[in-house]
């Protein structure tokens, strides 16, 4: 299990997600989206999102979590990444865990799992996410008007391929 020691955060370790992580991952996803993209409409209830996490994301995709271990405290999930083949479906961090290298580690795990390449969609207005992916070698290949996603929010398709 890779880990890094962060003086302000404690030790962060990556591990495979488990079925019993569904509640924590759902809360993290909802908090992250609300903090980073307050303009997005809520198209599903918390309960429906938990059902999707439990019955779709966890059983049907490869999911890794970033877990914060503080001395004397319980571990807390502070981020996760989900892959469906070479499609990066989800990468979310708790609001307090941003800009600390955790997203980079989760993305590196995804690249390690799909070394031939990855693809993803990001909302066009999510400039922080877009800058993050571009810093990590992703290229915008298509811009969409929002008709392809349930939020109706214009998005951009990104691709990453390993340089040989």
N, C-alpha and C. Protein backbone atom coordinates (compact mmCIF):
# COMPACT_ATOMS: atom_id res chain seq x y z
N UNK A 1 0.83 -1.18 0.00
CA UNK A 1 0.00 0.00 0.00
C UNK A 1 0.87 1.24 0.00
N UNK A 2 0.83 2.05 -1.06
CA UNK A 2 1.64 3.26 -1.04
C UNK A 2 1.10 4.23 -0.01
N UNK A 3 2.01 4.98 0.61
CA UNK A 3 1.57 6.00 1.55
C UNK A 3 2.53 7.17 1.50
N UNK A 4 2.03 8.31 1.86
CA UNK A 4 2.82 9.52 1.99
C UNK A 4 2.45 10.14 3.31
N UNK A 5 3.45 10.74 3.94
CA UNK A 5 3.21 11.42 5.20
C UNK A 5 3.02 12.90 4.90
N UNK A 6 1.90 13.45 5.30
CA UNK A 6 1.60 14.87 5.12
C UNK A 6 1.51 15.51 6.49
N UNK A 7 2.40 16.45 6.81
CA UNK A 7 2.39 17.05 8.15
C UNK A 7 1.03 17.62 8.54
N UNK A 8 0.31 18.21 7.58
CA UNK A 8 -0.97 18.81 7.91
C UNK A 8 -2.11 17.80 7.81
N UNK A 9 -1.86 16.68 7.17
CA UNK A 9 -2.92 15.72 6.93
C UNK A 9 -2.73 14.40 7.66
N UNK A 10 -1.53 14.01 7.98
CA UNK A 10 -1.28 12.67 8.47
C UNK A 10 -0.78 11.81 7.32
N UNK A 11 -0.97 10.51 7.42
CA UNK A 11 -0.53 9.59 6.39
C UNK A 11 -1.70 9.23 5.49
N UNK A 12 -1.49 9.31 4.18
CA UNK A 12 -2.52 8.97 3.21
C UNK A 12 -2.10 7.69 2.50
N UNK A 13 -2.99 6.71 2.48
CA UNK A 13 -2.74 5.44 1.81
C UNK A 13 -3.83 5.18 0.78
N UNK A 14 -3.43 4.58 -0.34
CA UNK A 14 -4.40 4.15 -1.34
C UNK A 14 -4.71 2.69 -1.10
N UNK A 15 -5.98 2.34 -1.31
CA UNK A 15 -6.40 0.94 -1.21
C UNK A 15 -7.59 0.71 -2.12
N UNK A 16 -7.86 -0.57 -2.41
CA UNK A 16 -9.06 -0.92 -3.16
C UNK A 16 -10.29 -0.55 -2.34
N UNK A 17 -11.31 -0.07 -3.01
CA UNK A 17 -12.57 0.23 -2.33
C UNK A 17 -13.27 -1.07 -1.96
N UNK A 18 -14.09 -1.00 -0.93
CA UNK A 18 -14.90 -2.13 -0.48
C UNK A 18 -16.37 -1.74 -0.53
N UNK A 19 -17.24 -2.73 -0.53
CA UNK A 19 -18.68 -2.47 -0.56
C UNK A 19 -19.11 -1.59 0.61
N UNK A 20 -18.49 -1.76 1.77
CA UNK A 20 -18.91 -0.96 2.93
C UNK A 20 -18.40 0.48 2.88
N UNK A 21 -17.72 0.86 1.81
CA UNK A 21 -17.30 2.25 1.61
C UNK A 21 -18.39 3.10 0.95
N UNK A 22 -19.48 2.48 0.52
CA UNK A 22 -20.48 3.19 -0.28
C UNK A 22 -20.98 4.47 0.38
N UNK A 23 -21.29 4.42 1.66
CA UNK A 23 -21.80 5.61 2.34
C UNK A 23 -20.77 6.72 2.39
N UNK A 24 -19.53 6.38 2.72
CA UNK A 24 -18.46 7.38 2.78
C UNK A 24 -18.19 7.99 1.41
N UNK A 25 -18.17 7.15 0.37
CA UNK A 25 -17.91 7.64 -0.98
C UNK A 25 -19.04 8.55 -1.46
N UNK A 26 -20.27 8.18 -1.14
CA UNK A 26 -21.41 9.01 -1.53
C UNK A 26 -21.34 10.38 -0.85
N UNK A 27 -21.08 10.40 0.45
CA UNK A 27 -20.98 11.69 1.17
C UNK A 27 -19.84 12.53 0.60
N UNK A 28 -18.71 11.89 0.30
CA UNK A 28 -17.56 12.60 -0.25
C UNK A 28 -17.91 13.19 -1.62
N UNK A 29 -18.52 12.39 -2.49
CA UNK A 29 -18.91 12.86 -3.82
C UNK A 29 -19.84 14.07 -3.71
N UNK A 30 -20.86 13.97 -2.87
CA UNK A 30 -21.83 15.07 -2.74
C UNK A 30 -21.17 16.33 -2.19
N UNK A 31 -20.30 16.19 -1.19
CA UNK A 31 -19.61 17.35 -0.62
C UNK A 31 -18.66 17.97 -1.62
N UNK A 32 -17.94 17.13 -2.36
CA UNK A 32 -16.98 17.63 -3.34
C UNK A 32 -17.69 18.39 -4.46
N UNK A 33 -18.76 17.81 -4.99
CA UNK A 33 -19.50 18.47 -6.06
C UNK A 33 -20.09 19.80 -5.58
N UNK A 34 -20.64 19.83 -4.37
CA UNK A 34 -21.23 21.06 -3.85
C UNK A 34 -20.17 22.15 -3.68
N UNK A 35 -18.98 21.77 -3.22
CA UNK A 35 -17.92 22.75 -2.99
C UNK A 35 -17.29 23.23 -4.30
N UNK A 36 -17.02 22.31 -5.21
CA UNK A 36 -16.28 22.65 -6.44
C UNK A 36 -17.19 23.14 -7.56
N UNK A 37 -18.44 22.69 -7.57
CA UNK A 37 -19.34 23.01 -8.68
C UNK A 37 -20.72 23.39 -8.15
N UNK A 38 -20.83 24.49 -7.40
CA UNK A 38 -22.12 24.86 -6.81
C UNK A 38 -23.19 25.19 -7.85
N UNK A 39 -22.79 25.44 -9.08
CA UNK A 39 -23.72 25.76 -10.16
C UNK A 39 -24.45 24.53 -10.70
N UNK A 40 -23.97 23.32 -10.38
CA UNK A 40 -24.61 22.12 -10.91
C UNK A 40 -25.95 21.87 -10.24
N UNK A 41 -26.96 21.51 -11.03
CA UNK A 41 -28.23 21.15 -10.42
C UNK A 41 -28.12 19.78 -9.74
N UNK A 42 -28.85 19.58 -8.66
CA UNK A 42 -28.94 18.27 -8.01
C UNK A 42 -30.00 17.48 -8.77
N UNK A 43 -29.59 16.47 -9.52
CA UNK A 43 -30.55 15.71 -10.31
C UNK A 43 -30.98 14.42 -9.63
N UNK A 44 -30.31 14.05 -8.53
CA UNK A 44 -30.67 12.84 -7.79
C UNK A 44 -30.64 13.13 -6.29
N UNK A 45 -31.48 12.44 -5.57
CA UNK A 45 -31.49 12.56 -4.11
C UNK A 45 -30.24 11.88 -3.53
N UNK A 46 -29.96 12.18 -2.27
CA UNK A 46 -28.85 11.51 -1.59
C UNK A 46 -29.05 10.00 -1.60
N UNK A 47 -30.29 9.56 -1.37
CA UNK A 47 -30.58 8.12 -1.34
C UNK A 47 -30.35 7.48 -2.70
N UNK A 48 -30.77 8.15 -3.77
CA UNK A 48 -30.55 7.60 -5.11
C UNK A 48 -29.06 7.55 -5.43
N UNK A 49 -28.32 8.56 -4.99
CA UNK A 49 -26.87 8.58 -5.22
C UNK A 49 -26.20 7.44 -4.47
N UNK A 50 -26.63 7.18 -3.25
CA UNK A 50 -26.10 6.04 -2.48
C UNK A 50 -26.43 4.73 -3.18
N UNK A 51 -27.64 4.59 -3.70
CA UNK A 51 -28.01 3.38 -4.44
C UNK A 51 -27.15 3.18 -5.66
N UNK A 52 -26.88 4.25 -6.40
CA UNK A 52 -26.02 4.19 -7.58
C UNK A 52 -24.60 3.78 -7.19
N UNK A 53 -24.09 4.38 -6.10
CA UNK A 53 -22.74 4.04 -5.63
C UNK A 53 -22.68 2.56 -5.23
N UNK A 54 -23.70 2.10 -4.53
CA UNK A 54 -23.74 0.73 -4.00
C UNK A 54 -23.93 -0.31 -5.10
N UNK A 55 -24.83 -0.03 -6.05
CA UNK A 55 -25.25 -1.04 -7.02
C UNK A 55 -24.65 -0.88 -8.41
N UNK A 56 -23.98 0.23 -8.67
CA UNK A 56 -23.38 0.45 -9.99
C UNK A 56 -21.88 0.70 -9.87
N UNK A 57 -21.51 1.77 -9.20
CA UNK A 57 -20.10 2.17 -9.17
C UNK A 57 -19.22 1.10 -8.54
N UNK A 58 -19.52 0.72 -7.31
CA UNK A 58 -18.64 -0.23 -6.62
C UNK A 58 -18.59 -1.61 -7.26
N UNK A 59 -19.72 -2.20 -7.68
CA UNK A 59 -19.59 -3.53 -8.28
C UNK A 59 -19.13 -3.54 -9.74
N UNK A 60 -19.35 -2.44 -10.48
CA UNK A 60 -19.13 -2.46 -11.92
C UNK A 60 -17.89 -1.71 -12.40
N UNK A 61 -17.18 -1.03 -11.51
CA UNK A 61 -15.97 -0.31 -11.91
C UNK A 61 -14.85 -0.64 -10.94
N UNK A 62 -13.63 -0.30 -11.34
CA UNK A 62 -12.48 -0.44 -10.45
C UNK A 62 -12.37 0.86 -9.65
N UNK A 63 -12.41 0.74 -8.33
CA UNK A 63 -12.42 1.93 -7.47
C UNK A 63 -11.30 1.82 -6.44
N UNK A 64 -10.54 2.90 -6.31
CA UNK A 64 -9.51 3.01 -5.27
C UNK A 64 -9.82 4.23 -4.43
N UNK A 65 -9.54 4.11 -3.14
CA UNK A 65 -9.77 5.22 -2.23
C UNK A 65 -8.45 5.70 -1.66
N UNK A 66 -8.41 6.98 -1.32
CA UNK A 66 -7.30 7.57 -0.57
C UNK A 66 -7.81 7.71 0.85
N UNK A 67 -7.08 7.08 1.76
CA UNK A 67 -7.50 7.02 3.15
C UNK A 67 -6.50 7.77 4.02
N UNK A 68 -7.00 8.70 4.81
CA UNK A 68 -6.16 9.48 5.72
C UNK A 68 -6.10 8.78 7.07
N UNK A 69 -4.88 8.54 7.53
CA UNK A 69 -4.65 7.92 8.84
C UNK A 69 -3.95 8.95 9.71
N UNK A 70 -4.63 9.41 10.74
CA UNK A 70 -4.03 10.34 11.69
C UNK A 70 -3.67 9.58 12.95
N UNK A 71 -2.58 9.95 13.55
CA UNK A 71 -2.12 9.26 14.75
C UNK A 71 -3.21 9.25 15.82
N UNK A 72 -3.54 8.04 16.27
CA UNK A 72 -4.54 7.88 17.32
C UNK A 72 -5.98 8.04 16.86
N UNK A 73 -6.20 8.23 15.57
CA UNK A 73 -7.57 8.42 15.08
C UNK A 73 -7.97 7.35 14.08
N UNK A 74 -9.23 7.31 13.78
CA UNK A 74 -9.74 6.37 12.79
C UNK A 74 -9.38 6.86 11.38
N UNK A 75 -9.28 5.93 10.45
CA UNK A 75 -9.00 6.29 9.05
C UNK A 75 -10.23 6.97 8.45
N UNK A 76 -9.96 7.92 7.56
CA UNK A 76 -11.04 8.66 6.89
C UNK A 76 -10.75 8.67 5.39
N UNK A 77 -11.76 8.35 4.59
CA UNK A 77 -11.61 8.41 3.13
C UNK A 77 -11.66 9.88 2.72
N UNK A 78 -10.61 10.33 2.00
CA UNK A 78 -10.53 11.73 1.58
C UNK A 78 -10.54 11.88 0.06
N UNK A 79 -10.63 10.77 -0.68
CA UNK A 79 -10.68 10.84 -2.13
C UNK A 79 -10.92 9.47 -2.71
N UNK A 80 -11.37 9.45 -3.97
CA UNK A 80 -11.50 8.18 -4.68
C UNK A 80 -11.45 8.41 -6.18
N UNK A 81 -11.10 7.34 -6.87
CA UNK A 81 -11.09 7.33 -8.33
C UNK A 81 -11.79 6.06 -8.78
N UNK A 82 -12.54 6.15 -9.87
CA UNK A 82 -13.30 5.03 -10.42
C UNK A 82 -13.01 4.91 -11.91
N UNK A 83 -12.68 3.70 -12.34
CA UNK A 83 -12.39 3.42 -13.75
C UNK A 83 -13.33 2.35 -14.28
N UNK A 84 -13.81 2.56 -15.49
CA UNK A 84 -14.55 1.54 -16.23
C UNK A 84 -13.75 1.29 -17.50
N UNK A 85 -12.89 0.27 -17.46
CA UNK A 85 -11.95 0.05 -18.56
C UNK A 85 -10.98 1.21 -18.61
N UNK A 86 -10.94 1.92 -19.76
CA UNK A 86 -10.04 3.07 -19.87
C UNK A 86 -10.79 4.40 -19.67
N UNK A 87 -12.02 4.31 -19.20
CA UNK A 87 -12.83 5.51 -18.94
C UNK A 87 -12.71 5.90 -17.47
N UNK A 88 -12.15 7.08 -17.22
CA UNK A 88 -12.08 7.59 -15.85
C UNK A 88 -13.45 8.18 -15.54
N UNK A 89 -14.22 7.45 -14.76
CA UNK A 89 -15.60 7.83 -14.48
C UNK A 89 -15.73 8.86 -13.37
N UNK A 90 -14.93 8.71 -12.31
CA UNK A 90 -15.04 9.59 -11.15
C UNK A 90 -13.65 9.84 -10.59
N UNK A 91 -13.38 11.06 -10.18
CA UNK A 91 -12.21 11.37 -9.34
C UNK A 91 -12.65 12.53 -8.46
N UNK A 92 -12.85 12.24 -7.18
CA UNK A 92 -13.33 13.25 -6.25
C UNK A 92 -12.46 13.27 -5.00
N UNK A 93 -12.29 14.47 -4.45
CA UNK A 93 -11.56 14.67 -3.20
C UNK A 93 -12.46 15.42 -2.23
N UNK A 94 -12.31 15.13 -0.95
CA UNK A 94 -13.03 15.94 0.03
C UNK A 94 -12.48 17.36 -0.06
N UNK A 95 -13.32 18.37 0.17
CA UNK A 95 -12.86 19.75 -0.02
C UNK A 95 -11.58 20.08 0.74
N UNK A 96 -11.36 19.56 1.92
CA UNK A 96 -10.16 19.86 2.69
C UNK A 96 -8.92 19.13 2.23
N UNK A 97 -9.07 18.20 1.30
CA UNK A 97 -7.93 17.40 0.83
C UNK A 97 -7.41 17.85 -0.53
N UNK A 98 -7.97 18.90 -1.07
CA UNK A 98 -7.53 19.38 -2.38
C UNK A 98 -6.16 20.04 -2.30
N UNK A 99 -5.44 19.97 -3.41
CA UNK A 99 -4.13 20.63 -3.59
C UNK A 99 -3.08 20.13 -2.60
N UNK A 100 -3.14 18.83 -2.32
CA UNK A 100 -2.17 18.21 -1.42
C UNK A 100 -1.51 16.98 -2.05
N UNK A 101 -1.70 16.80 -3.37
CA UNK A 101 -1.09 15.67 -4.06
C UNK A 101 -1.90 14.40 -4.06
N UNK A 102 -3.04 14.39 -3.40
CA UNK A 102 -3.85 13.18 -3.30
C UNK A 102 -4.51 12.86 -4.64
N UNK A 103 -5.05 13.88 -5.31
CA UNK A 103 -5.64 13.66 -6.63
C UNK A 103 -4.61 13.16 -7.62
N UNK A 104 -3.39 13.68 -7.53
CA UNK A 104 -2.30 13.23 -8.41
C UNK A 104 -2.01 11.75 -8.17
N UNK A 105 -2.01 11.33 -6.92
CA UNK A 105 -1.76 9.92 -6.61
C UNK A 105 -2.89 9.03 -7.11
N UNK A 106 -4.12 9.48 -6.95
CA UNK A 106 -5.25 8.69 -7.46
C UNK A 106 -5.20 8.60 -8.98
N UNK A 107 -4.87 9.70 -9.65
CA UNK A 107 -4.76 9.69 -11.10
C UNK A 107 -3.62 8.78 -11.55
N UNK A 108 -2.50 8.80 -10.83
CA UNK A 108 -1.38 7.91 -11.16
C UNK A 108 -1.81 6.45 -11.04
N UNK A 109 -2.64 6.13 -10.05
CA UNK A 109 -3.15 4.76 -9.90
C UNK A 109 -3.99 4.39 -11.12
N UNK A 110 -4.82 5.30 -11.58
CA UNK A 110 -5.64 5.05 -12.76
C UNK A 110 -4.77 4.84 -14.00
N UNK A 111 -3.74 5.67 -14.16
CA UNK A 111 -2.84 5.52 -15.30
C UNK A 111 -2.08 4.20 -15.23
N UNK A 112 -1.69 3.79 -14.04
CA UNK A 112 -1.01 2.51 -13.85
C UNK A 112 -1.93 1.36 -14.25
N UNK A 113 -3.20 1.48 -13.92
CA UNK A 113 -4.18 0.43 -14.23
C UNK A 113 -4.52 0.39 -15.72
N UNK A 114 -4.47 1.53 -16.40
CA UNK A 114 -4.79 1.64 -17.83
C UNK A 114 -3.64 2.32 -18.55
N UNK A 115 -2.50 1.64 -18.66
CA UNK A 115 -1.29 2.29 -19.18
C UNK A 115 -1.37 2.70 -20.65
N UNK A 116 -2.30 2.14 -21.40
CA UNK A 116 -2.42 2.51 -22.81
C UNK A 116 -3.11 3.85 -23.00
N UNK A 117 -3.88 4.27 -22.01
CA UNK A 117 -4.55 5.55 -22.13
C UNK A 117 -5.82 5.62 -21.32
N UNK A 118 -6.29 6.83 -21.12
CA UNK A 118 -7.51 7.10 -20.37
C UNK A 118 -8.31 8.17 -21.10
N UNK A 119 -9.62 8.17 -20.86
CA UNK A 119 -10.50 9.21 -21.38
C UNK A 119 -11.47 9.60 -20.27
N UNK A 120 -11.95 10.83 -20.33
CA UNK A 120 -12.89 11.31 -19.32
C UNK A 120 -13.64 12.51 -19.85
N UNK A 121 -14.72 12.84 -19.15
CA UNK A 121 -15.45 14.08 -19.39
C UNK A 121 -15.29 14.96 -18.16
N UNK A 122 -15.16 16.26 -18.39
CA UNK A 122 -15.17 17.25 -17.30
C UNK A 122 -16.11 18.37 -17.74
N UNK A 123 -16.79 18.96 -16.79
CA UNK A 123 -17.64 20.10 -17.12
C UNK A 123 -16.77 21.27 -17.54
N UNK A 124 -17.20 21.97 -18.59
CA UNK A 124 -16.40 23.09 -19.10
C UNK A 124 -16.16 24.15 -18.05
N UNK A 125 -17.14 24.39 -17.18
CA UNK A 125 -16.98 25.42 -16.14
C UNK A 125 -16.12 24.96 -14.97
N UNK A 126 -15.79 23.69 -14.90
CA UNK A 126 -14.96 23.18 -13.80
C UNK A 126 -13.49 23.42 -14.15
N UNK A 127 -13.09 24.67 -14.08
CA UNK A 127 -11.75 25.06 -14.54
C UNK A 127 -10.64 24.44 -13.68
N UNK A 128 -10.89 24.22 -12.40
CA UNK A 128 -9.86 23.57 -11.57
C UNK A 128 -9.60 22.15 -12.05
N UNK A 129 -10.67 21.39 -12.30
CA UNK A 129 -10.49 20.01 -12.78
C UNK A 129 -9.83 20.01 -14.15
N UNK A 130 -10.26 20.89 -15.02
CA UNK A 130 -9.67 20.93 -16.36
C UNK A 130 -8.18 21.24 -16.28
N UNK A 131 -7.79 22.20 -15.45
CA UNK A 131 -6.37 22.54 -15.30
C UNK A 131 -5.60 21.35 -14.72
N UNK A 132 -6.19 20.65 -13.76
CA UNK A 132 -5.56 19.47 -13.16
C UNK A 132 -5.28 18.41 -14.24
N UNK A 133 -6.28 18.08 -15.03
CA UNK A 133 -6.08 17.05 -16.06
C UNK A 133 -5.08 17.51 -17.11
N UNK A 134 -5.14 18.75 -17.51
CA UNK A 134 -4.19 19.26 -18.51
C UNK A 134 -2.76 19.24 -17.96
N UNK A 135 -2.58 19.56 -16.68
CA UNK A 135 -1.24 19.47 -16.07
C UNK A 135 -0.71 18.04 -16.07
N UNK A 136 -1.62 17.08 -16.07
CA UNK A 136 -1.23 15.67 -16.03
C UNK A 136 -1.28 15.01 -17.41
N UNK A 137 -1.19 15.81 -18.46
CA UNK A 137 -1.01 15.27 -19.80
C UNK A 137 -2.27 14.98 -20.59
N UNK A 138 -3.43 15.32 -20.09
CA UNK A 138 -4.67 15.10 -20.84
C UNK A 138 -4.86 16.22 -21.85
N UNK A 139 -5.44 15.87 -22.99
CA UNK A 139 -5.71 16.81 -24.07
C UNK A 139 -7.20 16.87 -24.34
N UNK A 140 -7.75 18.07 -24.46
CA UNK A 140 -9.16 18.24 -24.83
C UNK A 140 -9.33 17.83 -26.28
N UNK A 141 -10.28 16.93 -26.54
CA UNK A 141 -10.48 16.43 -27.90
C UNK A 141 -11.88 16.73 -28.44
N UNK A 142 -12.80 17.14 -27.57
CA UNK A 142 -14.17 17.41 -28.04
C UNK A 142 -14.89 18.26 -26.99
N UNK A 143 -15.64 19.24 -27.48
CA UNK A 143 -16.46 20.06 -26.60
C UNK A 143 -17.92 19.78 -26.91
N UNK A 144 -18.74 19.62 -25.88
CA UNK A 144 -20.15 19.27 -26.04
C UNK A 144 -21.04 20.33 -25.40
N UNK A 145 -22.29 20.38 -25.85
CA UNK A 145 -23.22 21.43 -25.41
C UNK A 145 -23.99 21.09 -24.14
N UNK A 146 -23.76 19.93 -23.55
CA UNK A 146 -24.48 19.54 -22.34
C UNK A 146 -25.61 18.57 -22.59
N UNK A 147 -25.94 18.33 -23.85
CA UNK A 147 -27.06 17.42 -24.15
C UNK A 147 -26.72 15.96 -23.86
N UNK A 148 -25.46 15.63 -23.66
CA UNK A 148 -25.07 14.24 -23.41
C UNK A 148 -25.04 13.89 -21.93
N UNK A 149 -25.18 14.85 -21.03
CA UNK A 149 -25.16 14.52 -19.60
C UNK A 149 -26.46 14.96 -18.94
N UNK A 150 -26.79 14.33 -17.82
CA UNK A 150 -28.08 14.59 -17.19
C UNK A 150 -28.17 15.95 -16.50
N UNK A 151 -27.04 16.58 -16.24
CA UNK A 151 -27.07 17.92 -15.66
C UNK A 151 -27.35 18.99 -16.71
N UNK A 152 -27.20 18.65 -17.99
CA UNK A 152 -27.39 19.63 -19.05
C UNK A 152 -26.28 20.67 -19.10
N UNK A 153 -25.13 20.32 -18.55
CA UNK A 153 -23.99 21.25 -18.42
C UNK A 153 -22.97 20.96 -19.52
N UNK A 154 -22.58 21.97 -20.31
CA UNK A 154 -21.55 21.74 -21.34
C UNK A 154 -20.30 21.09 -20.74
N UNK A 155 -19.79 20.11 -21.48
CA UNK A 155 -18.61 19.41 -20.99
C UNK A 155 -17.56 19.28 -22.08
N UNK A 156 -16.43 18.75 -21.69
CA UNK A 156 -15.30 18.58 -22.60
C UNK A 156 -14.76 17.16 -22.42
N UNK A 157 -14.44 16.53 -23.53
CA UNK A 157 -13.86 15.20 -23.54
C UNK A 157 -12.34 15.33 -23.52
N UNK A 158 -11.70 14.60 -22.62
CA UNK A 158 -10.24 14.59 -22.52
C UNK A 158 -9.72 13.19 -22.79
N UNK A 159 -8.50 13.15 -23.36
CA UNK A 159 -7.79 11.87 -23.54
C UNK A 159 -6.36 12.03 -23.07
N UNK A 160 -5.84 10.93 -22.54
CA UNK A 160 -4.43 10.82 -22.17
C UNK A 160 -3.91 9.53 -22.76
N UNK A 161 -2.74 9.61 -23.40
CA UNK A 161 -2.06 8.40 -23.86
C UNK A 161 -0.63 8.46 -23.36
N UNK A 162 -0.13 7.29 -23.01
CA UNK A 162 1.25 7.21 -22.53
C UNK A 162 2.19 7.56 -23.67
N UNK A 163 3.17 8.33 -23.37
CA UNK A 163 4.16 8.68 -24.39
C UNK A 163 5.21 7.57 -24.41
N UNK A 164 5.44 7.02 -25.59
CA UNK A 164 6.39 5.92 -25.69
C UNK A 164 7.64 6.41 -26.22
